Protein backbone atom coordinates (compact mmCIF):
# COMPACT_ATOMS: atom_id res chain seq x y z
CA UNK A 1 112.62 68.45 114.58
CA UNK A 2 110.81 65.13 115.13
CA UNK A 3 111.29 63.45 111.76
CA UNK A 4 109.49 60.28 110.66
CA UNK A 5 109.20 58.21 107.50
CA UNK A 6 106.16 57.72 105.30
CA UNK A 7 104.57 58.10 101.87
CA UNK A 8 103.73 61.51 100.44
CA UNK A 9 101.64 61.74 97.31
CA UNK A 10 99.03 64.23 96.07
CA UNK A 11 98.89 66.08 99.37
CA UNK A 12 98.23 62.80 101.21
CA UNK A 13 100.66 61.60 103.87
CA UNK A 14 100.69 58.05 105.22
CA UNK A 15 103.05 57.38 108.11
CA UNK A 16 104.93 54.05 107.88
CA UNK A 17 103.37 51.31 110.06
CA UNK A 18 106.55 50.69 112.04
CA UNK A 19 106.85 54.44 112.61
CA UNK A 20 103.30 54.58 113.95
CA UNK A 21 104.05 51.84 116.45
CA UNK A 22 107.24 53.61 117.50
CA UNK A 23 105.34 56.88 118.05
CA UNK A 24 102.56 55.31 120.11
CA UNK A 25 104.26 52.52 122.06
CA UNK A 26 107.88 53.64 122.44
CA UNK A 27 107.90 57.44 122.29
CA UNK A 28 104.40 57.68 123.80
CA UNK A 29 103.76 60.82 121.80
CA UNK A 30 100.68 62.92 122.45
CA UNK A 31 97.89 64.06 120.20
CA UNK A 32 98.63 67.50 118.75
CA UNK A 33 102.45 67.34 118.86
CA UNK A 34 104.21 68.89 115.91
CA UNK A 35 105.83 66.32 113.63
CA UNK A 36 107.54 66.13 110.25
CA UNK A 37 107.32 63.26 107.76
CA UNK A 38 109.65 62.64 104.81
CA UNK A 39 109.34 60.13 102.00
CA UNK A 40 113.12 59.93 101.67
CA UNK A 41 112.84 61.24 98.13
CA UNK A 42 113.02 64.95 98.78
CA UNK A 43 109.55 65.67 100.15
CA UNK A 44 108.79 66.91 103.68
CA UNK A 45 105.36 67.21 105.31
CA UNK A 46 104.82 69.21 108.49
CA UNK A 47 101.79 69.22 110.78
CA UNK A 48 100.20 67.97 113.97
CA UNK A 49 100.10 64.40 115.17
CA UNK A 50 96.73 62.65 115.42
CA UNK A 51 96.57 59.61 117.72
CA UNK A 52 93.61 57.23 117.32
CA UNK A 53 94.10 54.16 119.49
CA UNK A 54 97.21 52.40 118.13
CA UNK A 55 97.20 54.39 114.91
CA UNK A 56 99.02 57.65 114.17
CA UNK A 57 98.45 60.11 111.33
CA UNK A 58 99.28 63.72 110.56
CA UNK A 59 97.11 66.76 110.06
CA UNK A 60 99.15 68.32 107.28
CA UNK A 61 99.93 72.03 107.45
CA UNK A 62 102.59 72.19 104.75
CA UNK A 63 104.34 69.98 102.20
CA UNK A 64 107.68 70.96 100.72
CA UNK A 65 108.85 69.25 97.56
CA UNK A 66 112.15 68.92 95.67
CA UNK A 67 114.31 69.66 98.69
CA UNK A 68 118.02 69.72 97.67
CA UNK A 69 120.02 66.52 97.76
CA UNK A 70 123.69 66.14 98.63
CA UNK A 71 126.34 67.10 96.10
CA UNK A 72 128.64 65.49 95.16
CA UNK A 73 126.84 62.16 95.19
CA UNK A 74 128.86 59.28 96.66
CA UNK A 75 128.37 55.60 95.91
CA UNK A 76 130.43 53.13 97.96
CA UNK A 77 130.59 49.50 96.93
CA UNK A 78 131.98 47.63 99.91
CA UNK A 79 132.67 43.98 100.70
CA UNK A 80 130.89 42.68 103.82
CA UNK A 81 133.07 42.01 106.85
CA UNK A 82 133.04 38.70 108.71
CA UNK A 83 131.63 40.54 111.73
CA UNK A 84 128.50 42.12 110.26
CA UNK A 85 128.40 44.70 113.10
CA UNK A 86 131.30 46.48 111.42
CA UNK A 87 129.42 46.95 108.15
CA UNK A 88 126.38 48.12 110.07
CA UNK A 89 128.60 50.70 111.80
CA UNK A 90 129.88 51.86 108.42
CA UNK A 91 126.35 52.16 107.05
CA UNK A 92 125.19 54.27 109.99
CA UNK A 93 128.11 56.70 109.83
CA UNK A 94 128.21 56.95 106.03
CA UNK A 95 124.49 57.71 105.91
CA UNK A 96 124.90 60.44 108.53
CA UNK A 97 127.57 62.00 106.30
CA UNK A 98 125.40 62.06 103.21
CA UNK A 99 126.25 58.97 101.17
CA UNK A 100 123.87 58.54 98.24
CA UNK A 101 124.21 54.82 97.49
CA UNK A 102 125.69 51.68 99.03
CA UNK A 103 126.33 48.38 97.27
CA UNK A 104 127.46 45.19 98.98
CA UNK A 105 129.96 43.45 96.72
CA UNK A 106 131.01 39.82 96.89
CA UNK A 107 134.72 39.30 96.14
CA UNK A 108 137.13 36.36 96.06
CA UNK A 109 138.08 36.83 99.72
CA UNK A 110 134.62 37.63 101.02
CA UNK A 111 133.95 35.29 103.95
CA UNK A 112 130.40 36.35 104.77
CA UNK A 113 127.98 35.19 102.09
CA UNK A 114 124.65 35.87 103.82
CA UNK A 115 123.76 39.53 104.28
CA UNK A 116 120.45 40.76 105.62
CA UNK A 117 119.94 43.65 103.21
CA UNK A 118 116.51 44.49 104.64
CA UNK A 119 118.09 45.06 108.07
CA UNK A 120 120.72 47.32 106.53
CA UNK A 121 118.01 49.29 104.73
CA UNK A 122 116.17 49.82 108.01
CA UNK A 123 119.41 51.04 109.62
CA UNK A 124 119.91 53.45 106.72
CA UNK A 125 116.40 54.87 107.26
CA UNK A 126 117.03 55.24 110.99
CA UNK A 127 120.33 57.03 110.41
CA UNK A 128 118.71 59.26 107.79
CA UNK A 129 116.03 60.36 110.22
CA UNK A 130 118.57 60.89 112.98
CA UNK A 131 120.65 63.17 110.77
CA UNK A 132 117.58 64.92 109.31
CA UNK A 133 118.00 63.71 105.75
CA UNK A 134 115.15 64.15 103.28
CA UNK A 135 116.83 62.04 100.59
CA UNK A 136 117.52 58.49 101.82
CA UNK A 137 120.42 56.55 100.30
CA UNK A 138 119.81 53.63 97.96
CA UNK A 139 120.88 50.29 99.46
CA UNK A 140 121.40 47.73 96.69
CA UNK A 141 121.20 43.96 96.91
CA UNK A 142 124.49 42.06 97.23
CA UNK A 143 126.23 41.57 93.89
CA UNK A 144 129.38 39.88 92.61
CA UNK A 145 132.21 42.20 91.67
CA UNK A 146 132.24 41.38 87.91
CA UNK A 147 128.49 41.99 87.69
CA UNK A 148 128.80 45.26 89.58
CA UNK A 149 131.33 46.58 87.07
CA UNK A 150 128.86 46.13 84.20
CA UNK A 151 126.78 49.08 85.43
CA UNK A 152 129.30 51.71 86.44
CA UNK A 153 131.09 54.54 84.67
CA UNK A 154 134.88 53.98 84.91
CA UNK A 155 135.47 57.72 84.50
CA UNK A 156 134.21 58.43 88.02
CA UNK A 157 134.97 55.08 89.70
CA UNK A 158 137.94 54.36 91.96
CA UNK A 159 139.21 51.43 94.01
CA UNK A 160 140.99 51.75 97.34
CA UNK A 161 143.45 48.91 97.92
CA UNK A 162 146.57 48.26 99.98
CA UNK A 163 148.93 46.86 97.33
CA UNK A 164 151.78 49.33 97.68
CA UNK A 165 153.71 47.83 94.77
CA UNK A 166 150.93 48.86 92.36
CA UNK A 167 150.34 52.40 91.11
CA UNK A 168 147.85 54.42 93.19
CA UNK A 169 146.91 58.07 93.16
CA UNK A 170 146.41 60.16 96.29
CA UNK A 171 142.83 60.79 97.36
CA UNK A 172 143.48 64.54 97.33
CA UNK A 173 144.31 64.37 93.63
CA UNK A 174 140.90 63.10 92.57
CA UNK A 175 139.23 65.81 90.45
CA UNK A 176 135.96 67.43 91.49
CA UNK A 177 133.06 65.27 90.28
CA UNK A 178 129.30 65.48 90.64
CA UNK A 179 129.15 61.75 91.26
CA UNK A 180 131.87 59.37 92.42
CA UNK A 181 131.97 55.62 93.09
CA UNK A 182 134.46 53.92 95.41
CA UNK A 183 135.16 50.20 95.70
CA UNK A 184 136.42 48.94 99.06
CA UNK A 185 137.56 45.34 99.51
CA UNK A 186 137.17 42.76 102.30
CA UNK A 187 139.48 41.73 105.11
CA UNK A 188 142.63 40.71 103.26
CA UNK A 189 141.89 43.22 100.47
CA UNK A 190 141.08 42.53 96.84
CA UNK A 191 143.12 39.80 95.24
CA UNK A 192 145.78 40.75 92.72
CA UNK A 193 143.67 39.05 90.07
CA UNK A 194 140.74 41.30 90.97
CA UNK A 195 142.91 44.40 90.98
CA UNK A 196 144.21 43.52 87.52
CA UNK A 197 140.65 42.97 86.40
CA UNK A 198 139.65 46.39 87.77
CA UNK A 199 142.60 48.01 85.96
CA UNK A 200 141.53 46.30 82.72
CA UNK A 201 138.11 47.92 83.23
CA UNK A 202 139.85 51.31 83.60
CA UNK A 203 139.12 51.65 87.32
CA UNK A 204 141.74 53.89 88.89
CA UNK A 205 143.42 52.86 92.15
CA UNK A 206 143.57 55.25 95.11
CA UNK A 207 145.65 55.40 98.28
CA UNK A 208 143.89 56.36 101.52
CA UNK A 209 147.15 57.14 103.29
CA UNK A 210 150.04 55.34 104.91
CA UNK A 211 148.04 53.41 107.49
CA UNK A 212 146.34 50.12 106.72
CA UNK A 213 142.65 50.65 107.40
CA UNK A 214 139.98 48.09 108.22
CA UNK A 215 137.24 47.67 105.61
CA UNK A 216 134.64 49.64 107.57
CA UNK A 217 137.19 52.32 108.52
CA UNK A 218 138.12 52.83 104.88
CA UNK A 219 134.43 53.22 104.07
CA UNK A 220 133.90 55.80 106.80
CA UNK A 221 137.06 57.62 105.74
CA UNK A 222 135.85 57.96 102.14
CA UNK A 223 132.40 59.10 103.34
CA UNK A 224 134.06 61.75 105.54
CA UNK A 225 136.25 62.89 102.64
CA UNK A 226 133.16 63.34 100.48
CA UNK A 227 131.29 65.07 103.30
CA UNK A 228 134.17 67.55 103.63
CA UNK A 229 133.88 68.27 99.89
CA UNK A 230 130.18 69.10 100.38
CA UNK A 231 130.89 71.84 102.94
């Protein structure tokens, strides 16, 4: 399946401008090729490609709506790493494994303050197309940890940290939930003050095993755990 991104409304399909350029200039696709276009919100249009100069459109044969989304839904709130390539790696792999939402959280030990969220959103779209997703994940703007906690449900929210002297439950003991949120800290982990603050907000702490994992590895690990629960 050749999957592309665009807008789908009232039987009209408009292929994204960047996608059109990619089709014409990079892929050098031909008039009449079969293509599929998703809006990333559960709709999928199928039809034949129409090339007119530098523009590309689709002759629609079929539109499917309300395609099923992933269940359970996973939201990971993760602190950006100093090397942004590591977070970009996490985003790519987590999207391929069906993550529903990603938030970039700013913590006490966060070293990187400037994050190009638009670039991360584009990477999420690319990974969604690569893995044939018809529901694209939400990529939220960067937010400070205390502000993030104002909008979550503590009943289905967990924090993964490395403080072995503090109580943590095993990942395998988390009950089955339709939606789950995980917080993952920066290099150097959450501070003890932050962990106490999370506990005060009734956020349960989780152990991801005996090994100390890098920030992006912990994120991929949680995404893989959730993906396994989908199967």
